[in-house]
PDB file of all heavy atoms in Angstrom:
ATOM      1  N   TRP A   1       0.814  -1.217   0.000  1.00  0.00           N
ATOM      2  CA  TRP A   1       0.000   0.000   0.000  1.00  0.00           C
ATOM      3  C   TRP A   1       0.850   1.271   0.000  1.00  0.00           C
ATOM      4  O   TRP A   1       0.411   2.312  -0.474  1.00  0.00           O
ATOM      5  CB  TRP A   1      -0.931   0.009   1.221  1.00  0.00           C
ATOM      6  CG  TRP A   1      -1.966  -1.057   1.179  1.00  0.00           C
ATOM      7  CD1 TRP A   1      -2.563  -1.590   0.074  1.00  0.00           C
ATOM      8  CD2 TRP A   1      -2.535  -1.759   2.295  1.00  0.00           C
ATOM      9  NE1 TRP A   1      -3.449  -2.578   0.420  1.00  0.00           N
ATOM     10  CE2 TRP A   1      -3.463  -2.707   1.777  1.00  0.00           C
ATOM     11  CE3 TRP A   1      -2.354  -1.680   3.678  1.00  0.00           C
ATOM     12  CZ2 TRP A   1      -4.202  -3.558   2.588  1.00  0.00           C
ATOM     13  CZ3 TRP A   1      -3.089  -2.535   4.493  1.00  0.00           C
ATOM     14  CH2 TRP A   1      -4.002  -3.459   3.951  1.00  0.00           C
ATOM     15  N   ASN A   2       2.063   1.173   0.519  1.00  0.00           N
ATOM     16  CA  ASN A   2       2.932   2.348   0.603  1.00  0.00           C
ATOM     17  C   ASN A   2       3.905   2.453  -0.569  1.00  0.00           C
ATOM     18  O   ASN A   2       4.780   3.323  -0.556  1.00  0.00           O
ATOM     19  CB  ASN A   2       3.721   2.323   1.915  1.00  0.00           C
ATOM     20  CG  ASN A   2       2.859   2.707   3.109  1.00  0.00           C
ATOM     21  OD1 ASN A   2       2.359   3.817   3.197  1.00  0.00           O
ATOM     22  ND2 ASN A   2       2.662   1.771   4.014  1.00  0.00           N
ATOM     23  N   THR A   3       3.755   1.570  -1.557  1.00  0.00           N
ATOM     24  CA  THR A   3       4.620   1.619  -2.735  1.00  0.00           C
ATOM     25  C   THR A   3       3.997   2.535  -3.782  1.00  0.00           C
ATOM     26  O   THR A   3       2.811   2.411  -4.091  1.00  0.00           O
ATOM     27  CB  THR A   3       4.819   0.203  -3.321  1.00  0.00           C
ATOM     28  OG1 THR A   3       5.312  -0.658  -2.287  1.00  0.00           O
ATOM     29  CG2 THR A   3       5.814   0.218  -4.468  1.00  0.00           C
ATOM     30  N   HIS A   4       4.792   3.432  -4.335  1.00  0.00           N
ATOM     31  CA  HIS A   4       4.252   4.471  -5.213  1.00  0.00           C
ATOM     32  C   HIS A   4       4.078   4.008  -6.660  1.00  0.00           C
ATOM     33  O   HIS A   4       3.214   4.512  -7.367  1.00  0.00           O
ATOM     34  CB  HIS A   4       5.144   5.715  -5.163  1.00  0.00           C
ATOM     35  CG  HIS A   4       5.185   6.344  -3.813  1.00  0.00           C
ATOM     36  ND1 HIS A   4       4.105   6.995  -3.256  1.00  0.00           N
ATOM     37  CD2 HIS A   4       6.168   6.404  -2.875  1.00  0.00           C
ATOM     38  CE1 HIS A   4       4.421   7.443  -2.053  1.00  0.00           C
ATOM     39  NE2 HIS A   4       5.671   7.093  -1.798  1.00  0.00           N
ATOM     40  N   ASP A   5       4.890   3.061  -7.133  1.00  0.00           N
ATOM     41  CA  ASP A   5       4.696   2.575  -8.501  1.00  0.00           C
ATOM     42  C   ASP A   5       3.864   1.294  -8.468  1.00  0.00           C
ATOM     43  O   ASP A   5       3.972   0.481  -7.542  1.00  0.00           O
ATOM     44  CB  ASP A   5       6.044   2.327  -9.191  1.00  0.00           C
ATOM     45  CG  ASP A   5       6.806   1.164  -8.574  1.00  0.00           C
ATOM     46  OD1 ASP A   5       7.242   1.301  -7.403  1.00  0.00           O
ATOM     47  OD2 ASP A   5       6.949   0.130  -9.226  1.00  0.00           O
ATOM     48  N   LYS A   6       3.012   1.121  -9.466  1.00  0.00           N
ATOM     49  CA  LYS A   6       2.057   0.017  -9.484  1.00  0.00           C
ATOM     50  C   LYS A   6       2.740  -1.344  -9.592  1.00  0.00           C
ATOM     51  O   LYS A   6       2.255  -2.330  -9.027  1.00  0.00           O
ATOM     52  CB  LYS A   6       1.068   0.196 -10.641  1.00  0.00           C
ATOM     53  CG  LYS A   6       0.111   1.370 -10.452  1.00  0.00           C
ATOM     54  CD  LYS A   6      -0.743   1.186  -9.209  1.00  0.00           C
ATOM     55  CE  LYS A   6      -1.708   2.331  -8.989  1.00  0.00           C
ATOM     56  NZ  LYS A   6      -2.489   2.154  -7.740  1.00  0.00           N
ATOM     57  N   PHE A   7       3.847  -1.411 -10.331  1.00  0.00           N
ATOM     58  CA  PHE A   7       4.543  -2.703 -10.437  1.00  0.00           C
ATOM     59  C   PHE A   7       5.038  -3.154  -9.067  1.00  0.00           C
ATOM     60  O   PHE A   7       4.848  -4.304  -8.669  1.00  0.00           O
ATOM     61  CB  PHE A   7       5.717  -2.594 -11.414  1.00  0.00           C
ATOM     62  CG  PHE A   7       6.548  -3.848 -11.483  1.00  0.00           C
ATOM     63  CD1 PHE A   7       6.071  -4.986 -12.106  1.00  0.00           C
ATOM     64  CD2 PHE A   7       7.814  -3.888 -10.887  1.00  0.00           C
ATOM     65  CE1 PHE A   7       6.837  -6.155 -12.146  1.00  0.00           C
ATOM     66  CE2 PHE A   7       8.584  -5.046 -10.928  1.00  0.00           C
ATOM     67  CZ  PHE A   7       8.092  -6.175 -11.568  1.00  0.00           C
ATOM     68  N   GLY A   8       5.679  -2.250  -8.327  1.00  0.00           N
ATOM     69  CA  GLY A   8       6.152  -2.595  -6.990  1.00  0.00           C
ATOM     70  C   GLY A   8       5.016  -2.935  -6.053  1.00  0.00           C
ATOM     71  O   GLY A   8       5.122  -3.853  -5.225  1.00  0.00           O
ATOM     72  N   GLU A   9       3.915  -2.195  -6.172  1.00  0.00           N
ATOM     73  CA  GLU A   9       2.747  -2.463  -5.328  1.00  0.00           C
ATOM     74  C   GLU A   9       2.200  -3.867  -5.566  1.00  0.00           C
ATOM     75  O   GLU A   9       1.947  -4.626  -4.624  1.00  0.00           O
ATOM     76  CB  GLU A   9       1.668  -1.424  -5.625  1.00  0.00           C
ATOM     77  CG  GLU A   9       0.387  -1.606  -4.838  1.00  0.00           C
ATOM     78  CD  GLU A   9      -0.678  -0.599  -5.227  1.00  0.00           C
ATOM     79  OE1 GLU A   9      -0.315   0.473  -5.757  1.00  0.00           O
ATOM     80  OE2 GLU A   9      -1.863  -0.873  -4.996  1.00  0.00           O
ATOM     81  N   LEU A  10       2.036  -4.219  -6.843  1.00  0.00           N
ATOM     82  CA  LEU A  10       1.499  -5.542  -7.180  1.00  0.00           C
ATOM     83  C   LEU A  10       2.492  -6.648  -6.846  1.00  0.00           C
ATOM     84  O   LEU A  10       2.108  -7.744  -6.423  1.00  0.00           O
ATOM     85  CB  LEU A  10       1.131  -5.593  -8.661  1.00  0.00           C
ATOM     86  CG  LEU A  10      -0.106  -4.789  -9.055  1.00  0.00           C
ATOM     87  CD1 LEU A  10      -0.167  -4.608 -10.562  1.00  0.00           C
ATOM     88  CD2 LEU A  10      -1.368  -5.499  -8.560  1.00  0.00           C
ATOM     89  N   LEU A  11       3.774  -6.375  -7.046  1.00  0.00           N
ATOM     90  CA  LEU A  11       4.800  -7.369  -6.737  1.00  0.00           C
ATOM     91  C   LEU A  11       4.823  -7.658  -5.237  1.00  0.00           C
ATOM     92  O   LEU A  11       4.876  -8.827  -4.817  1.00  0.00           O
ATOM     93  CB  LEU A  11       6.164  -6.866  -7.209  1.00  0.00           C
ATOM     94  CG  LEU A  11       7.349  -7.823  -7.067  1.00  0.00           C
ATOM     95  CD1 LEU A  11       7.083  -9.128  -7.799  1.00  0.00           C
ATOM     96  CD2 LEU A  11       8.621  -7.173  -7.592  1.00  0.00           C
ATOM     97  N   ALA A  12       4.766  -6.622  -4.414  1.00  0.00           N
ATOM     98  CA  ALA A  12       4.741  -6.812  -2.956  1.00  0.00           C
ATOM     99  C   ALA A  12       3.485  -7.571  -2.532  1.00  0.00           C
ATOM    100  O   ALA A  12       3.548  -8.480  -1.686  1.00  0.00           O
ATOM    101  CB  ALA A  12       4.816  -5.460  -2.255  1.00  0.00           C
ATOM    102  N   ALA A  13       2.342  -7.213  -3.120  1.00  0.00           N
ATOM    103  CA  ALA A  13       1.093  -7.911  -2.788  1.00  0.00           C
ATOM    104  C   ALA A  13       1.149  -9.368  -3.228  1.00  0.00           C
ATOM    105  O   ALA A  13       0.712 -10.268  -2.499  1.00  0.00           O
ATOM    106  CB  ALA A  13      -0.089  -7.207  -3.450  1.00  0.00           C
ATOM    107  N   GLY A  14       1.706  -9.617  -4.426  1.00  0.00           N
ATOM    108  CA  GLY A  14       1.808 -10.985  -4.926  1.00  0.00           C
ATOM    109  C   GLY A  14       2.702 -11.845  -4.058  1.00  0.00           C
ATOM    110  O   GLY A  14       2.386 -13.016  -3.775  1.00  0.00           O
ATOM    111  N   ILE A  15       3.835 -11.307  -3.613  1.00  0.00           N
ATOM    112  CA  ILE A  15       4.745 -12.066  -2.754  1.00  0.00           C
ATOM    113  C   ILE A  15       4.094 -12.341  -1.401  1.00  0.00           C
ATOM    114  O   ILE A  15       4.227 -13.434  -0.835  1.00  0.00           O
ATOM    115  CB  ILE A  15       6.074 -11.300  -2.579  1.00  0.00           C
ATOM    116  CG1 ILE A  15       6.827 -11.269  -3.922  1.00  0.00           C
ATOM    117  CG2 ILE A  15       6.943 -11.951  -1.508  1.00  0.00           C
ATOM    118  CD1 ILE A  15       8.036 -10.361  -3.923  1.00  0.00           C
ATOM    119  N   THR A  16       3.361 -11.369  -0.877  1.00  0.00           N
ATOM    120  CA  THR A  16       2.638 -11.575   0.382  1.00  0.00           C
ATOM    121  C   THR A  16       1.595 -12.678   0.227  1.00  0.00           C
ATOM    122  O   THR A  16       1.443 -13.540   1.109  1.00  0.00           O
ATOM    123  CB  THR A  16       1.962 -10.265   0.827  1.00  0.00           C
ATOM    124  OG1 THR A  16       2.953  -9.237   0.948  1.00  0.00           O
ATOM    125  CG2 THR A  16       1.269 -10.443   2.159  1.00  0.00           C
ATOM    126  N   LEU A  17       0.882 -12.669  -0.902  1.00  0.00           N
ATOM    127  CA  LEU A  17      -0.083 -13.739  -1.184  1.00  0.00           C
ATOM    128  C   LEU A  17       0.610 -15.086  -1.343  1.00  0.00           C
ATOM    129  O   LEU A  17       0.064 -16.128  -0.971  1.00  0.00           O
ATOM    130  CB  LEU A  17      -0.867 -13.403  -2.457  1.00  0.00           C
ATOM    131  CG  LEU A  17      -1.877 -12.261  -2.343  1.00  0.00           C
ATOM    132  CD1 LEU A  17      -2.309 -11.800  -3.735  1.00  0.00           C
ATOM    133  CD2 LEU A  17      -3.081 -12.693  -1.531  1.00  0.00           C
ATOM    134  N   TYR A  18       1.804 -15.072  -1.889  1.00  0.00           N
ATOM    135  CA  TYR A  18       2.599 -16.294  -2.077  1.00  0.00           C
ATOM    136  C   TYR A  18       2.884 -16.960  -0.736  1.00  0.00           C
ATOM    137  O   TYR A  18       2.672 -18.162  -0.554  1.00  0.00           O
ATOM    138  CB  TYR A  18       3.887 -15.931  -2.812  1.00  0.00           C
ATOM    139  CG  TYR A  18       4.987 -16.964  -2.764  1.00  0.00           C
ATOM    140  CD1 TYR A  18       4.987 -18.060  -3.621  1.00  0.00           C
ATOM    141  CD2 TYR A  18       6.061 -16.831  -1.874  1.00  0.00           C
ATOM    142  CE1 TYR A  18       6.017 -18.996  -3.585  1.00  0.00           C
ATOM    143  CE2 TYR A  18       7.076 -17.756  -1.842  1.00  0.00           C
ATOM    144  CZ  TYR A  18       7.060 -18.836  -2.692  1.00  0.00           C
ATOM    145  OH  TYR A  18       8.077 -19.752  -2.652  1.00  0.00           O
ATOM    146  N   PHE A  19       3.368 -16.176   0.220  1.00  0.00           N
ATOM    147  CA  PHE A  19       3.662 -16.741   1.539  1.00  0.00           C
ATOM    148  C   PHE A  19       2.377 -17.058   2.303  1.00  0.00           C
ATOM    149  O   PHE A  19       2.240 -18.149   2.877  1.00  0.00           O
ATOM    150  CB  PHE A  19       4.521 -15.760   2.344  1.00  0.00           C
ATOM    151  CG  PHE A  19       5.952 -15.698   1.893  1.00  0.00           C
ATOM    152  CD1 PHE A  19       6.469 -14.541   1.318  1.00  0.00           C
ATOM    153  CD2 PHE A  19       6.789 -16.791   2.029  1.00  0.00           C
ATOM    154  CE1 PHE A  19       7.782 -14.481   0.900  1.00  0.00           C
ATOM    155  CE2 PHE A  19       8.110 -16.743   1.614  1.00  0.00           C
ATOM    156  CZ  PHE A  19       8.614 -15.587   1.047  1.00  0.00           C
ATOM    157  N   GLY A  20       1.436 -16.124   2.301  1.00  0.00           N
ATOM    158  CA  GLY A  20       0.202 -16.333   3.049  1.00  0.00           C
ATOM    159  C   GLY A  20      -0.662 -17.443   2.475  1.00  0.00           C
ATOM    160  O   GLY A  20      -1.222 -18.256   3.219  1.00  0.00           O
ATOM    161  N   GLY A  21      -0.777 -17.489   1.142  1.00  0.00           N
ATOM    162  CA  GLY A  21      -1.604 -18.506   0.499  1.00  0.00           C
ATOM    163  C   GLY A  21      -1.068 -19.907   0.723  1.00  0.00           C
ATOM    164  O   GLY A  21      -1.820 -20.833   1.060  1.00  0.00           O
ATOM    165  N   GLN A  22       0.241 -20.086   0.540  1.00  0.00           N
ATOM    166  CA  GLN A  22       0.829 -21.410   0.762  1.00  0.00           C
ATOM    167  C   GLN A  22       0.719 -21.817   2.228  1.00  0.00           C
ATOM    168  O   GLN A  22       0.451 -22.987   2.539  1.00  0.00           O
ATOM    169  CB  GLN A  22       2.303 -21.416   0.337  1.00  0.00           C
ATOM    170  CG  GLN A  22       2.499 -21.406  -1.159  1.00  0.00           C
ATOM    171  CD  GLN A  22       3.926 -21.769  -1.531  1.00  0.00           C
ATOM    172  OE1 GLN A  22       4.182 -22.792  -2.151  1.00  0.00           O
ATOM    173  NE2 GLN A  22       4.865 -20.927  -1.145  1.00  0.00           N
ATOM    174  N   GLY A  23       0.935 -20.853   3.120  1.00  0.00           N
ATOM    175  CA  GLY A  23       0.813 -21.165   4.535  1.00  0.00           C
ATOM    176  C   GLY A  23      -0.590 -21.611   4.896  1.00  0.00           C
ATOM    177  O   GLY A  23      -0.778 -22.597   5.625  1.00  0.00           O
ATOM    178  N   LEU A  24      -1.593 -20.906   4.364  1.00  0.00           N
ATOM    179  CA  LEU A  24      -2.988 -21.247   4.650  1.00  0.00           C
ATOM    180  C   LEU A  24      -3.345 -22.624   4.105  1.00  0.00           C
ATOM    181  O   LEU A  24      -3.984 -23.435   4.786  1.00  0.00           O
ATOM    182  CB  LEU A  24      -3.909 -20.185   4.048  1.00  0.00           C
ATOM    183  CG  LEU A  24      -5.406 -20.375   4.272  1.00  0.00           C
ATOM    184  CD1 LEU A  24      -5.731 -20.307   5.754  1.00  0.00           C
ATOM    185  CD2 LEU A  24      -6.203 -19.312   3.520  1.00  0.00           C
ATOM    186  N   ILE A  25      -2.928 -22.914   2.862  1.00  0.00           N
ATOM    187  CA  ILE A  25      -3.240 -24.213   2.257  1.00  0.00           C
ATOM    188  C   ILE A  25      -2.585 -25.342   3.040  1.00  0.00           C
ATOM    189  O   ILE A  25      -3.191 -26.383   3.307  1.00  0.00           O
ATOM    190  CB  ILE A  25      -2.807 -24.240   0.783  1.00  0.00           C
ATOM    191  CG1 ILE A  25      -3.663 -23.278  -0.049  1.00  0.00           C
ATOM    192  CG2 ILE A  25      -2.916 -25.650   0.208  1.00  0.00           C
ATOM    193  CD1 ILE A  25      -3.192 -23.111  -1.483  1.00  0.00           C
ATOM    194  N   ASN A  26      -1.310 -25.161   3.413  1.00  0.00           N
ATOM    195  CA  ASN A  26      -0.611 -26.216   4.145  1.00  0.00           C
ATOM    196  C   ASN A  26      -1.256 -26.474   5.500  1.00  0.00           C
ATOM    197  O   ASN A  26      -1.479 -27.632   5.877  1.00  0.00           O
ATOM    198  CB  ASN A  26       0.859 -25.836   4.325  1.00  0.00           C
ATOM    199  CG  ASN A  26       1.641 -26.887   5.105  1.00  0.00           C
ATOM    200  OD1 ASN A  26       1.670 -26.874   6.328  1.00  0.00           O
ATOM    201  ND2 ASN A  26       2.253 -27.810   4.382  1.00  0.00           N
ATOM    202  N   LEU A  27      -1.562 -25.416   6.239  1.00  0.00           N
ATOM    203  CA  LEU A  27      -2.163 -25.589   7.562  1.00  0.00           C
ATOM    204  C   LEU A  27      -3.547 -26.234   7.449  1.00  0.00           C
ATOM    205  O   LEU A  27      -3.905 -27.091   8.259  1.00  0.00           O
ATOM    206  CB  LEU A  27      -2.256 -24.244   8.277  1.00  0.00           C
ATOM    207  CG  LEU A  27      -0.921 -23.604   8.659  1.00  0.00           C
ATOM    208  CD1 LEU A  27      -1.140 -22.211   9.233  1.00  0.00           C
ATOM    209  CD2 LEU A  27      -0.169 -24.470   9.654  1.00  0.00           C
ATOM    210  N   ALA A  28      -4.319 -25.820   6.435  1.00  0.00           N
ATOM    211  CA  ALA A  28      -5.639 -26.427   6.223  1.00  0.00           C
ATOM    212  C   ALA A  28      -5.499 -27.902   5.874  1.00  0.00           C
ATOM    213  O   ALA A  28      -6.295 -28.739   6.311  1.00  0.00           O
ATOM    214  CB  ALA A  28      -6.381 -25.683   5.116  1.00  0.00           C
ATOM    215  N   MET A  29      -4.462 -28.241   5.104  1.00  0.00           N
ATOM    216  CA  MET A  29      -4.220 -29.637   4.713  1.00  0.00           C
ATOM    217  C   MET A  29      -3.844 -30.487   5.930  1.00  0.00           C
ATOM    218  O   MET A  29      -4.399 -31.570   6.144  1.00  0.00           O
ATOM    219  CB  MET A  29      -3.089 -29.665   3.675  1.00  0.00           C
ATOM    220  CG  MET A  29      -2.655 -31.031   3.227  1.00  0.00           C
ATOM    221  SD  MET A  29      -1.202 -30.912   2.145  1.00  0.00           S
ATOM    222  CE  MET A  29       0.091 -30.586   3.373  1.00  0.00           C
ATOM    223  N   VAL A  30      -2.916 -29.997   6.740  1.00  0.00           N
ATOM    224  CA  VAL A  30      -2.466 -30.757   7.909  1.00  0.00           C
ATOM    225  C   VAL A  30      -3.595 -30.909   8.928  1.00  0.00           C
ATOM    226  O   VAL A  30      -3.696 -31.944   9.598  1.00  0.00           O
ATOM    227  CB  VAL A  30      -1.237 -30.068   8.549  1.00  0.00           C
ATOM    228  CG1 VAL A  30      -0.821 -30.788   9.830  1.00  0.00           C
ATOM    229  CG2 VAL A  30      -0.066 -30.045   7.566  1.00  0.00           C
ATOM    230  N   CYS A  31      -4.448 -29.897   9.040  1.00  0.00           N
ATOM    231  CA  CYS A  31      -5.553 -29.940  10.004  1.00  0.00           C
ATOM    232  C   CYS A  31      -6.785 -30.651   9.454  1.00  0.00           C
ATOM    233  O   CYS A  31      -7.838 -30.693  10.128  1.00  0.00           O
ATOM    234  CB  CYS A  31      -5.922 -28.525  10.439  1.00  0.00           C
ATOM    235  SG  CYS A  31      -4.603 -27.691  11.366  1.00  0.00           S
ATOM    236  N   GLY A  32      -6.711 -31.177   8.231  1.00  0.00           N
ATOM    237  CA  GLY A  32      -7.811 -31.948   7.666  1.00  0.00           C
ATOM    238  C   GLY A  32      -8.905 -31.132   7.027  1.00  0.00           C
ATOM    239  O   GLY A  32      -9.954 -31.678   6.662  1.00  0.00           O
ATOM    240  N   LEU A  33      -8.694 -29.823   6.867  1.00  0.00           N
ATOM    241  CA  LEU A  33      -9.702 -28.973   6.236  1.00  0.00           C
ATOM    242  C   LEU A  33      -9.567 -28.960   4.723  1.00  0.00           C
ATOM    243  O   LEU A  33     -10.424 -28.417   4.031  1.00  0.00           O
ATOM    244  CB  LEU A  33      -9.584 -27.536   6.769  1.00  0.00           C
ATOM    245  CG  LEU A  33      -9.733 -27.374   8.278  1.00  0.00           C
ATOM    246  CD1 LEU A  33      -9.484 -25.932   8.683  1.00  0.00           C
ATOM    247  CD2 LEU A  33     -11.115 -27.829   8.731  1.00  0.00           C
ATOM    248  N   PHE A  34      -8.491 -29.542   4.223  1.00  0.00           N
ATOM    249  CA  PHE A  34      -8.204 -29.554   2.793  1.00  0.00           C
ATOM    250  C   PHE A  34      -7.545 -30.888   2.469  1.00  0.00           C
ATOM    251  O   PHE A  34      -6.832 -31.437   3.313  1.00  0.00           O
ATOM    252  CB  PHE A  34      -7.263 -28.384   2.452  1.00  0.00           C
ATOM    253  CG  PHE A  34      -7.308 -27.936   1.016  1.00  0.00           C
ATOM    254  CD1 PHE A  34      -8.367 -27.171   0.560  1.00  0.00           C
ATOM    255  CD2 PHE A  34      -6.313 -28.282   0.127  1.00  0.00           C
ATOM    256  CE1 PHE A  34      -8.420 -26.746  -0.758  1.00  0.00           C
ATOM    257  CE2 PHE A  34      -6.349 -27.870  -1.198  1.00  0.00           C
ATOM    258  CZ  PHE A  34      -7.410 -27.100  -1.635  1.00  0.00           C
ATOM    259  N   PRO A  35      -7.786 -31.452   1.280  1.00  0.00           N
ATOM    260  CA  PRO A  35      -7.133 -32.716   0.944  1.00  0.00           C
ATOM    261  C   PRO A  35      -5.610 -32.587   0.948  1.00  0.00           C
ATOM    262  O   PRO A  35      -5.066 -31.493   0.791  1.00  0.00           O
ATOM    263  CB  PRO A  35      -7.651 -33.012  -0.477  1.00  0.00           C
ATOM    264  CG  PRO A  35      -8.897 -32.212  -0.617  1.00  0.00           C
ATOM    265  CD  PRO A  35      -8.701 -30.994   0.219  1.00  0.00           C
ATOM    266  N   VAL A  36      -4.925 -33.704   1.131  1.00  0.00           N
ATOM    267  CA  VAL A  36      -3.460 -33.708   1.114  1.00  0.00           C
ATOM    268  C   VAL A  36      -3.002 -33.470  -0.318  1.00  0.00           C
ATOM    269  O   VAL A  36      -3.190 -34.315  -1.197  1.00  0.00           O
ATOM    270  CB  VAL A  36      -2.909 -35.044   1.650  1.00  0.00           C
ATOM    271  CG1 VAL A  36      -1.378 -35.051   1.578  1.00  0.00           C
ATOM    272  CG2 VAL A  36      -3.373 -35.274   3.079  1.00  0.00           C
ATOM    273  N   VAL A  37      -2.404 -32.293  -0.552  1.00  0.00           N
ATOM    274  CA  VAL A  37      -2.032 -31.905  -1.924  1.00  0.00           C
ATOM    275  C   VAL A  37      -0.547 -31.578  -2.069  1.00  0.00           C
ATOM    276  O   VAL A  37      -0.079 -31.256  -3.149  1.00  0.00           O
ATOM    277  CB  VAL A  37      -2.864 -30.687  -2.395  1.00  0.00           C
ATOM    278  CG1 VAL A  37      -4.305 -31.083  -2.609  1.00  0.00           C
ATOM    279  CG2 VAL A  37      -2.761 -29.527  -1.411  1.00  0.00           C
ATOM    280  N   GLY A  38       0.210 -31.644  -0.998  1.00  0.00           N
ATOM    281  CA  GLY A  38       1.650 -31.484  -1.124  1.00  0.00           C
ATOM    282  C   GLY A  38       2.136 -30.058  -1.302  1.00  0.00           C
ATOM    283  O   GLY A  38       3.026 -29.807  -2.107  1.00  0.00           O
ATOM    284  N   VAL A  39       1.563 -29.115  -0.564  1.00  0.00           N
ATOM    285  CA  VAL A  39       2.025 -27.724  -0.588  1.00  0.00           C
ATOM    286  C   VAL A  39       2.861 -27.476   0.657  1.00  0.00           C
ATOM    287  O   VAL A  39       2.382 -27.697   1.769  1.00  0.00           O
ATOM    288  CB  VAL A  39       0.838 -26.740  -0.640  1.00  0.00           C
ATOM    289  CG1 VAL A  39       1.322 -25.295  -0.522  1.00  0.00           C
ATOM    290  CG2 VAL A  39       0.058 -26.923  -1.934  1.00  0.00           C
ATOM    291  N   PRO A  40       4.107 -27.020   0.531  1.00  0.00           N
ATOM    292  CA  PRO A  40       4.965 -26.835   1.705  1.00  0.00           C
ATOM    293  C   PRO A  40       4.580 -25.607   2.508  1.00  0.00           C
ATOM    294  O   PRO A  40       3.974 -24.665   1.996  1.00  0.00           O
ATOM    295  CB  PRO A  40       6.369 -26.673   1.091  1.00  0.00           C
ATOM    296  CG  PRO A  40       6.112 -26.081  -0.269  1.00  0.00           C
ATOM    297  CD  PRO A  40       4.815 -26.702  -0.732  1.00  0.00           C
ATOM    298  N   LEU A  41       4.960 -25.629   3.776  1.00  0.00           N
ATOM    299  CA  LEU A  41       4.780 -24.474   4.663  1.00  0.00           C
ATOM    300  C   LEU A  41       6.051 -23.629   4.579  1.00  0.00           C
ATOM    301  O   LEU A  41       7.120 -24.092   4.962  1.00  0.00           O
ATOM    302  CB  LEU A  41       4.535 -24.943   6.095  1.00  0.00           C
ATOM    303  CG  LEU A  41       4.199 -23.885   7.140  1.00  0.00           C
ATOM    304  CD1 LEU A  41       2.953 -23.099   6.744  1.00  0.00           C
ATOM    305  CD2 LEU A  41       4.007 -24.534   8.509  1.00  0.00           C
ATOM    306  N   PRO A  42       5.965 -22.405   4.035  1.00  0.00           N
ATOM    307  CA  PRO A  42       7.176 -21.609   3.786  1.00  0.00           C
ATOM    308  C   PRO A  42       8.088 -21.501   5.003  1.00  0.00           C
ATOM    309  O   PRO A  42       7.635 -21.169   6.100  1.00  0.00           O
ATOM    310  CB  PRO A  42       6.615 -20.234   3.388  1.00  0.00           C
ATOM    311  CG  PRO A  42       5.275 -20.536   2.794  1.00  0.00           C
ATOM    312  CD  PRO A  42       4.756 -21.684   3.609  1.00  0.00           C
ATOM    313  N   PHE A  43       9.369 -21.796   4.788  1.00  0.00           N
ATOM    314  CA  PHE A  43      10.445 -21.729   5.777  1.00  0.00           C
ATOM    315  C   PHE A  43      10.348 -22.796   6.856  1.00  0.00           C
ATOM    316  O   PHE A  43      11.322 -23.027   7.578  1.00  0.00           O
ATOM    317  CB  PHE A  43      10.512 -20.348   6.440  1.00  0.00           C
ATOM    318  CG  PHE A  43      10.992 -19.267   5.521  1.00  0.00           C
ATOM    319  CD1 PHE A  43      10.114 -18.285   5.071  1.00  0.00           C
ATOM    320  CD2 PHE A  43      12.294 -19.226   5.088  1.00  0.00           C
ATOM    321  CE1 PHE A  43      10.551 -17.286   4.216  1.00  0.00           C
ATOM    322  CE2 PHE A  43      12.743 -18.236   4.232  1.00  0.00           C
ATOM    323  CZ  PHE A  43      11.871 -17.258   3.792  1.00  0.00           C
TER     324      PHE A  43
END
């Protein structure tokens, strides 16, 4: 939100979604809320 050029703004948002999305899918998978699909938990 604090990035002034649109490319940087979208890139920062995309990377945040990359970490957050994979984390959410992995946790949902391990907790049985999602089928086992083989998505790693970042770091």
